[in-house]
Amino acid sequence: MNLRRALSRSFLSALVAAALLAVHTVPGMAADCYAIGQQIAAQDGGTLAKASEANRGGQTVCVIVVLVPGKDGQRPRREEHVVPAN
């Protein structure tokens, strides 16, 4: 019973830590970039690998990296998309 209780506490602590980390590492604009990245990945038929905010030429953009499955058993292709953040 004590082992079960200890595991439950550990699990809850890890869950709370993960939630707090997610809140602090995804500010508002980055969250928008993530949503944009999910849309692009769905359109390309791939998996979202990275979505980040960047400043290029004084303009805020989202840098989206999508992994698209390769053809005929080849490894996935990496596609990078740079789109306006707004």
C-alpha atoms as a PDB file:
ATOM      1  CA  MET A   1       0.000   0.000   0.000  1.00  0.00           C
ATOM      2  CA  ASN A   2       2.852   2.414   0.832  1.00  0.00           C
ATOM      3  CA  LEU A   3       4.500   1.710  -2.526  1.00  0.00           C
ATOM      4  CA  ARG A   4       1.241   2.475  -4.305  1.00  0.00           C
ATOM      5  CA  ARG A   5       0.844   5.742  -2.391  1.00  0.00           C
ATOM      6  CA  ALA A   6       4.453   6.742  -3.129  1.00  0.00           C
ATOM      7  CA  LEU A   7       4.003   5.998  -6.830  1.00  0.00           C
ATOM      8  CA  SER A   8       0.787   8.010  -6.899  1.00  0.00           C
ATOM      9  CA  ARG A   9       2.540  10.989  -5.309  1.00  0.00           C
ATOM     10  CA  SER A  10       5.458  10.688  -7.738  1.00  0.00           C
ATOM     11  CA  PHE A  11       3.101  10.528 -10.695  1.00  0.00           C
ATOM     12  CA  LEU A  12       1.118  13.539  -9.524  1.00  0.00           C
ATOM     13  CA  SER A  13       4.301  15.513  -8.882  1.00  0.00           C
ATOM     14  CA  ALA A  14       5.604  14.703 -12.359  1.00  0.00           C
ATOM     15  CA  LEU A  15       2.267  15.639 -13.910  1.00  0.00           C
ATOM     16  CA  VAL A  16       2.180  19.000 -12.126  1.00  0.00           C
ATOM     17  CA  ALA A  17       5.810  19.710 -13.056  1.00  0.00           C
ATOM     18  CA  ALA A  18       5.123  18.908 -16.708  1.00  0.00           C
ATOM     19  CA  ALA A  19       2.078  21.171 -16.751  1.00  0.00           C
ATOM     20  CA  LEU A  20       4.014  24.060 -15.196  1.00  0.00           C
ATOM     21  CA  LEU A  21       6.894  23.566 -17.618  1.00  0.00           C
ATOM     22  CA  ALA A  22       4.516  23.603 -20.577  1.00  0.00           C
ATOM     23  CA  VAL A  23       2.909  26.828 -19.388  1.00  0.00           C
ATOM     24  CA  HIS A  24       6.248  28.573 -18.952  1.00  0.00           C
ATOM     25  CA  THR A  25       7.818  27.397 -22.216  1.00  0.00           C
ATOM     26  CA  VAL A  26       4.890  28.216 -24.512  1.00  0.00           C
ATOM     27  CA  PRO A  27       4.216  31.953 -24.462  1.00  0.00           C
ATOM     28  CA  GLY A  28       1.252  33.344 -26.400  1.00  0.00           C
ATOM     29  CA  MET A  29       2.975  33.864 -29.739  1.00  0.00           C
ATOM     30  CA  ALA A  30       4.799  30.519 -29.613  1.00  0.00           C
ATOM     31  CA  ALA A  31       1.463  28.828 -28.941  1.00  0.00           C
ATOM     32  CA  ASP A  32       0.152  30.478 -32.113  1.00  0.00           C
ATOM     33  CA  CYS A  33       3.200  29.202 -34.006  1.00  0.00           C
ATOM     34  CA  TYR A  34       2.478  25.723 -32.701  1.00  0.00           C
ATOM     35  CA  ALA A  35      -1.111  25.895 -33.988  1.00  0.00           C
ATOM     36  CA  ILE A  36       0.119  27.179 -37.350  1.00  0.00           C
ATOM     37  CA  GLY A  37       2.660  24.352 -37.414  1.00  0.00           C
ATOM     38  CA  GLN A  38      -0.017  21.752 -36.767  1.00  0.00           C
ATOM     39  CA  GLN A  39      -2.039  23.084 -39.705  1.00  0.00           C
ATOM     40  CA  ILE A  40       0.969  23.031 -42.030  1.00  0.00           C
ATOM     41  CA  ALA A  41       1.919  19.508 -40.930  1.00  0.00           C
ATOM     42  CA  ALA A  42      -1.625  18.293 -41.596  1.00  0.00           C
ATOM     43  CA  GLN A  43      -1.626  19.906 -45.055  1.00  0.00           C
ATOM     44  CA  ASP A  44       1.752  18.336 -45.898  1.00  0.00           C
ATOM     45  CA  GLY A  45       0.764  14.936 -44.505  1.00  0.00           C
ATOM     46  CA  GLY A  46       3.680  15.039 -42.080  1.00  0.00           C
ATOM     47  CA  THR A  47       4.520  15.383 -38.405  1.00  0.00           C
ATOM     48  CA  LEU A  48       5.261  18.672 -36.690  1.00  0.00           C
ATOM     49  CA  ALA A  49       8.860  18.524 -35.459  1.00  0.00           C
ATOM     50  CA  LYS A  50       9.388  22.124 -34.348  1.00  0.00           C
ATOM     51  CA  ALA A  51       7.492  25.402 -34.159  1.00  0.00           C
ATOM     52  CA  SER A  52       9.307  28.505 -32.990  1.00  0.00           C
ATOM     53  CA  GLU A  53       9.040  32.265 -33.155  1.00  0.00           C
ATOM     54  CA  ALA A  54      11.788  34.300 -34.813  1.00  0.00           C
ATOM     55  CA  ASN A  55      12.481  37.856 -35.900  1.00  0.00           C
ATOM     56  CA  ARG A  56      13.494  38.160 -39.547  1.00  0.00           C
ATOM     57  CA  GLY A  57      13.978  41.570 -41.118  1.00  0.00           C
ATOM     58  CA  GLY A  58      12.117  43.253 -38.269  1.00  0.00           C
ATOM     59  CA  GLN A  59       9.078  41.025 -38.792  1.00  0.00           C
ATOM     60  CA  THR A  60       7.919  38.372 -36.344  1.00  0.00           C
ATOM     61  CA  VAL A  61       7.639  35.005 -38.095  1.00  0.00           C
ATOM     62  CA  CYS A  62       7.000  31.398 -37.210  1.00  0.00           C
ATOM     63  CA  VAL A  63       9.640  28.879 -38.245  1.00  0.00           C
ATOM     64  CA  ILE A  64       7.910  25.545 -38.759  1.00  0.00           C
ATOM     65  CA  VAL A  65       9.748  22.250 -39.298  1.00  0.00           C
ATOM     66  CA  VAL A  66       7.716  19.321 -40.614  1.00  0.00           C
ATOM     67  CA  LEU A  67       8.871  15.748 -41.180  1.00  0.00           C
ATOM     68  CA  VAL A  68       7.162  14.338 -44.269  1.00  0.00           C
ATOM     69  CA  PRO A  69       7.272  10.563 -44.839  1.00  0.00           C
ATOM     70  CA  GLY A  70       9.708   9.512 -47.566  1.00  0.00           C
ATOM     71  CA  LYS A  71       8.611   7.649 -50.667  1.00  0.00           C
ATOM     72  CA  ASP A  72       9.344   3.953 -51.242  1.00  0.00           C
ATOM     73  CA  GLY A  73      10.582   3.360 -47.686  1.00  0.00           C
ATOM     74  CA  GLN A  74      13.076   6.212 -47.674  1.00  0.00           C
ATOM     75  CA  ARG A  75      13.675   8.274 -44.551  1.00  0.00           C
ATOM     76  CA  PRO A  76      11.405  11.262 -43.836  1.00  0.00           C
ATOM     77  CA  ARG A  77      12.113  14.579 -45.530  1.00  0.00           C
ATOM     78  CA  ARG A  78      12.621  17.691 -43.398  1.00  0.00           C
ATOM     79  CA  GLU A  79      10.671  20.702 -44.650  1.00  0.00           C
ATOM     80  CA  GLU A  80      11.101  24.148 -43.127  1.00  0.00           C
ATOM     81  CA  HIS A  81       8.382  26.770 -43.570  1.00  0.00           C
ATOM     82  CA  VAL A  82       8.713  30.419 -42.563  1.00  0.00           C
ATOM     83  CA  VAL A  83       5.332  32.147 -42.248  1.00  0.00           C
ATOM     84  CA  PRO A  84       4.161  35.444 -40.729  1.00  0.00           C
ATOM     85  CA  ALA A  85       3.247  35.058 -37.054  1.00  0.00           C
ATOM     86  CA  ASN A  86      -0.012  36.996 -37.288  1.00  0.00           C
END
